[in-house]
C-alpha atoms as a PDB file:
ATOM      1  CA  MET A   1       0.000   0.000   0.000  1.00  0.00           C
ATOM      2  CA  THR A   2       2.823   2.439   0.779  1.00  0.00           C
ATOM      3  CA  SER A   3       4.098   2.014  -2.764  1.00  0.00           C
ATOM      4  CA  PHE A   4       1.180   4.210  -3.878  1.00  0.00           C
ATOM      5  CA  LEU A   5       2.261   7.068  -1.603  1.00  0.00           C
ATOM      6  CA  PRO A   6       4.593   9.802  -2.862  1.00  0.00           C
ATOM      7  CA  GLN A   7       8.216   8.762  -2.413  1.00  0.00           C
ATOM      8  CA  GLY A   8       9.593  12.267  -1.807  1.00  0.00           C
ATOM      9  CA  GLU A   9      11.272  12.993   1.515  1.00  0.00           C
ATOM     10  CA  GLY A  10       9.514  14.913   4.244  1.00  0.00           C
ATOM     11  CA  TRP A  11       5.804  15.416   4.820  1.00  0.00           C
ATOM     12  CA  LEU A  12       4.969  17.934   2.093  1.00  0.00           C
ATOM     13  CA  PRO A  13       4.430  15.357  -0.687  1.00  0.00           C
ATOM     14  CA  SER A  14       2.039  13.377   1.536  1.00  0.00           C
ATOM     15  CA  TRP A  15       0.247  16.586   2.521  1.00  0.00           C
ATOM     16  CA  LEU A  16      -0.212  17.528  -1.134  1.00  0.00           C
ATOM     17  CA  LEU A  17      -1.623  14.048  -1.801  1.00  0.00           C
ATOM     18  CA  LEU A  18      -4.049  14.381   1.118  1.00  0.00           C
ATOM     19  CA  VAL A  19      -5.215  17.834   0.030  1.00  0.00           C
ATOM     20  CA  SER A  20      -5.592  16.545  -3.520  1.00  0.00           C
ATOM     21  CA  VAL A  21      -7.766  13.634  -2.402  1.00  0.00           C
ATOM     22  CA  MET A  22      -9.893  15.989  -0.271  1.00  0.00           C
ATOM     23  CA  SER A  23     -10.283  18.248  -3.310  1.00  0.00           C
ATOM     24  CA  VAL A  24     -11.562  15.338  -5.388  1.00  0.00           C
ATOM     25  CA  GLY A  25     -14.164  14.771  -2.671  1.00  0.00           C
ATOM     26  CA  ASN A  26     -15.096  18.455  -2.789  1.00  0.00           C
ATOM     27  CA  THR A  27     -15.435  18.233  -6.559  1.00  0.00           C
ATOM     28  CA  ILE A  28     -17.836  15.309  -6.305  1.00  0.00           C
ATOM     29  CA  GLN A  29     -19.888  17.190  -3.716  1.00  0.00           C
ATOM     30  CA  ALA A  30     -19.947  20.323  -5.882  1.00  0.00           C
ATOM     31  CA  TYR A  31     -21.333  18.328  -8.801  1.00  0.00           C
ATOM     32  CA  MET A  32     -23.951  16.541  -6.698  1.00  0.00           C
ATOM     33  CA  THR A  33     -25.288  19.360  -4.529  1.00  0.00           C
ATOM     34  CA  THR A  34     -24.938  23.074  -3.820  1.00  0.00           C
ATOM     35  CA  LYS A  35     -25.068  22.505  -0.042  1.00  0.00           C
ATOM     36  CA  ASN A  36     -21.317  22.615   0.622  1.00  0.00           C
ATOM     37  CA  THR A  37     -20.690  25.484  -1.793  1.00  0.00           C
ATOM     38  CA  ARG A  38     -23.403  27.444   0.021  1.00  0.00           C
ATOM     39  CA  GLU A  39     -21.551  26.842   3.307  1.00  0.00           C
ATOM     40  CA  VAL A  40     -18.613  28.823   1.952  1.00  0.00           C
ATOM     41  CA  TYR A  41     -20.726  31.588   0.464  1.00  0.00           C
ATOM     42  CA  LEU A  42     -23.153  32.096   3.348  1.00  0.00           C
ATOM     43  CA  GLN A  43     -23.679  35.766   2.557  1.00  0.00           C
ATOM     44  CA  SER A  44     -24.760  35.034  -0.999  1.00  0.00           C
ATOM     45  CA  GLY A  45     -26.255  31.583  -0.646  1.00  0.00           C
ATOM     46  CA  SER A  46     -29.181  32.521  -2.856  1.00  0.00           C
ATOM     47  CA  GLU A  47     -26.681  33.379  -5.623  1.00  0.00           C
ATOM     48  CA  THR A  48     -25.097  29.925  -5.411  1.00  0.00           C
ATOM     49  CA  SER A  49     -26.642  28.024  -8.293  1.00  0.00           C
ATOM     50  CA  ALA A  50     -26.105  24.478  -9.481  1.00  0.00           C
ATOM     51  CA  LEU A  51     -24.087  25.926 -12.370  1.00  0.00           C
ATOM     52  CA  SER A  52     -21.800  27.982 -10.113  1.00  0.00           C
ATOM     53  CA  SER A  53     -21.313  24.955  -7.883  1.00  0.00           C
ATOM     54  CA  ARG A  54     -20.268  22.800 -10.846  1.00  0.00           C
ATOM     55  CA  ILE A  55     -17.898  25.517 -12.104  1.00  0.00           C
ATOM     56  CA  PHE A  56     -16.372  25.625  -8.624  1.00  0.00           C
ATOM     57  CA  GLY A  57     -16.060  21.824  -8.753  1.00  0.00           C
ATOM     58  CA  THR A  58     -14.307  21.994 -12.119  1.00  0.00           C
ATOM     59  CA  TRP A  59     -11.821  24.563 -10.828  1.00  0.00           C
ATOM     60  CA  THR A  60     -11.273  22.402  -7.736  1.00  0.00           C
ATOM     61  CA  ILE A  61     -10.464  19.266  -9.747  1.00  0.00           C
ATOM     62  CA  VAL A  62      -7.936  21.178 -11.861  1.00  0.00           C
ATOM     63  CA  SER A  63      -6.223  22.320  -8.649  1.00  0.00           C
ATOM     64  CA  ALA A  64      -6.359  18.768  -7.290  1.00  0.00           C
ATOM     65  CA  ILE A  65      -4.617  17.398 -10.391  1.00  0.00           C
ATOM     66  CA  ILE A  66      -1.853  20.019 -10.137  1.00  0.00           C
ATOM     67  CA  ARG A  67      -1.327  19.183  -6.456  1.00  0.00           C
ATOM     68  CA  LEU A  68      -1.348  15.438  -7.158  1.00  0.00           C
ATOM     69  CA  TYR A  69       1.286  15.700  -9.877  1.00  0.00           C
ATOM     70  CA  THR A  70       3.392  17.892  -7.591  1.00  0.00           C
ATOM     71  CA  ALA A  71       3.115  15.375  -4.742  1.00  0.00           C
ATOM     72  CA  TYR A  72       4.665  12.683  -6.940  1.00  0.00           C
ATOM     73  CA  ASP A  73       7.297  14.924  -8.581  1.00  0.00           C
ATOM     74  CA  ILE A  74       8.025  17.375  -5.768  1.00  0.00           C
ATOM     75  CA  SER A  75      11.494  18.331  -7.038  1.00  0.00           C
ATOM     76  CA  ASN A  76      10.177  19.530 -10.414  1.00  0.00           C
ATOM     77  CA  PRO A  77      10.390  23.345 -10.182  1.00  0.00           C
ATOM     78  CA  LYS A  78       7.631  23.973 -12.731  1.00  0.00           C
ATOM     79  CA  LEU A  79       5.175  21.671 -10.964  1.00  0.00           C
ATOM     80  CA  TYR A  80       6.158  23.119  -7.584  1.00  0.00           C
ATOM     81  CA  GLN A  81       5.494  26.627  -8.921  1.00  0.00           C
ATOM     82  CA  LEU A  82       2.158  25.534 -10.418  1.00  0.00           C
ATOM     83  CA  ALA A  83       1.113  24.102  -7.056  1.00  0.00           C
ATOM     84  CA  ILE A  84       2.085  27.370  -5.355  1.00  0.00           C
ATOM     85  CA  TRP A  85      -0.003  29.246  -7.915  1.00  0.00           C
ATOM     86  CA  ALA A  86      -2.956  26.906  -7.366  1.00  0.00           C
ATOM     87  CA  PHE A  87      -2.864  27.581  -3.619  1.00  0.00           C
ATOM     88  CA  ALA A  88      -2.259  31.315  -4.146  1.00  0.00           C
ATOM     89  CA  ILE A  89      -5.246  31.604  -6.485  1.00  0.00           C
ATOM     90  CA  ALA A  90      -7.415  29.706  -4.006  1.00  0.00           C
ATOM     91  CA  TRP A  91      -6.217  31.962  -1.185  1.00  0.00           C
ATOM     92  CA  GLY A  92      -6.862  35.099  -3.246  1.00  0.00           C
ATOM     93  CA  HIS A  93     -10.300  33.898  -4.266  1.00  0.00           C
ATOM     94  CA  PHE A  94     -11.492  33.020  -0.777  1.00  0.00           C
ATOM     95  CA  MET A  95      -9.981  36.129   0.824  1.00  0.00           C
ATOM     96  CA  SER A  96     -11.508  38.423  -1.807  1.00  0.00           C
ATOM     97  CA  GLU A  97     -14.936  36.794  -1.503  1.00  0.00           C
ATOM     98  CA  TRP A  98     -14.739  37.291   2.261  1.00  0.00           C
ATOM     99  CA  LEU A  99     -13.112  40.721   2.599  1.00  0.00           C
ATOM    100  CA  LEU A 100     -13.714  42.509  -0.711  1.00  0.00           C
ATOM    101  CA  PHE A 101     -16.925  41.196  -2.252  1.00  0.00           C
ATOM    102  CA  LYS A 102     -18.542  40.219   1.089  1.00  0.00           C
ATOM    103  CA  THR A 103     -20.118  37.121  -0.443  1.00  0.00           C
ATOM    104  CA  ALA A 104     -18.523  34.778   2.092  1.00  0.00           C
ATOM    105  CA  SER A 105     -18.583  35.006   5.854  1.00  0.00           C
ATOM    106  CA  TRP A 106     -16.237  33.495   8.394  1.00  0.00           C
ATOM    107  CA  GLY A 107     -17.338  30.051   9.409  1.00  0.00           C
ATOM    108  CA  ARG A 108     -16.722  26.362   8.904  1.00  0.00           C
ATOM    109  CA  GLY A 109     -17.046  26.541   5.122  1.00  0.00           C
ATOM    110  CA  LEU A 110     -14.519  29.352   4.728  1.00  0.00           C
ATOM    111  CA  ALA A 111     -12.058  28.570   7.527  1.00  0.00           C
ATOM    112  CA  GLY A 112     -10.856  25.280   6.035  1.00  0.00           C
ATOM    113  CA  PRO A 113      -9.871  26.627   2.615  1.00  0.00           C
ATOM    114  CA  ILE A 114      -8.204  29.709   4.124  1.00  0.00           C
ATOM    115  CA  PHE A 115      -6.211  27.726   6.716  1.00  0.00           C
ATOM    116  CA  ILE A 116      -5.175  25.067   4.188  1.00  0.00           C
ATOM    117  CA  SER A 117      -4.154  27.534   1.473  1.00  0.00           C
ATOM    118  CA  THR A 118      -2.330  29.864   3.883  1.00  0.00           C
ATOM    119  CA  GLY A 119      -0.508  27.089   5.730  1.00  0.00           C
ATOM    120  CA  THR A 120       0.465  25.258   2.569  1.00  0.00           C
ATOM    121  CA  LEU A 121       1.747  28.431   0.899  1.00  0.00           C
ATOM    122  CA  VAL A 122       3.945  29.229   3.896  1.00  0.00           C
ATOM    123  CA  TRP A 123       5.160  25.619   3.972  1.00  0.00           C
ATOM    124  CA  MET A 124       5.905  25.481   0.242  1.00  0.00           C
ATOM    125  CA  PHE A 125       7.723  28.829   0.150  1.00  0.00           C
ATOM    126  CA  SER A 126       9.800  27.915   3.196  1.00  0.00           C
ATOM    127  CA  GLN A 127      10.738  24.506   1.757  1.00  0.00           C
ATOM    128  CA  TRP A 128      11.534  25.544  -1.829  1.00  0.00           C
ATOM    129  CA  GLY A 129      15.274  25.045  -1.357  1.00  0.00           C
ATOM    130  CA  TYR A 130      14.778  21.651   0.274  1.00  0.00           C
ATOM    131  CA  TYR A 131      12.578  20.113  -2.412  1.00  0.00           C
ATOM    132  CA  VAL A 132      13.509  21.925  -5.611  1.00  0.00           C
ATOM    133  CA  VAL A 133      16.966  21.272  -6.987  1.00  0.00           C
ATOM    134  CA  GLN A 134      18.096  24.020  -9.334  1.00  0.00           C
END
């Protein structure tokens, strides 16, 4: 079973795999129901349509694929940068919906994505020299 896990040193590759798998779950939920998407966008829940939920799910699966590839090839600088961008875009999106557009409010639905994107960005930036060989 461990042969399926990323073989890179340290915990970051396994973390990226875990976040990727969670994102696949979020994608499935976004395609099946608007309930979880509405939890993020509590302020504008009535604006959360089935279409917007599926678009969110599509964006989430693209991010999950980037993170998955990075987990298994952590020393590839282009993949590492793409993963950073995927987390940065997620962070920017959720922060802007909360603080700028006021369509999201602090709560369970928003806290997870903000904590995960913030923590992972800090982790990835701080570990660039460890994982990426130039």
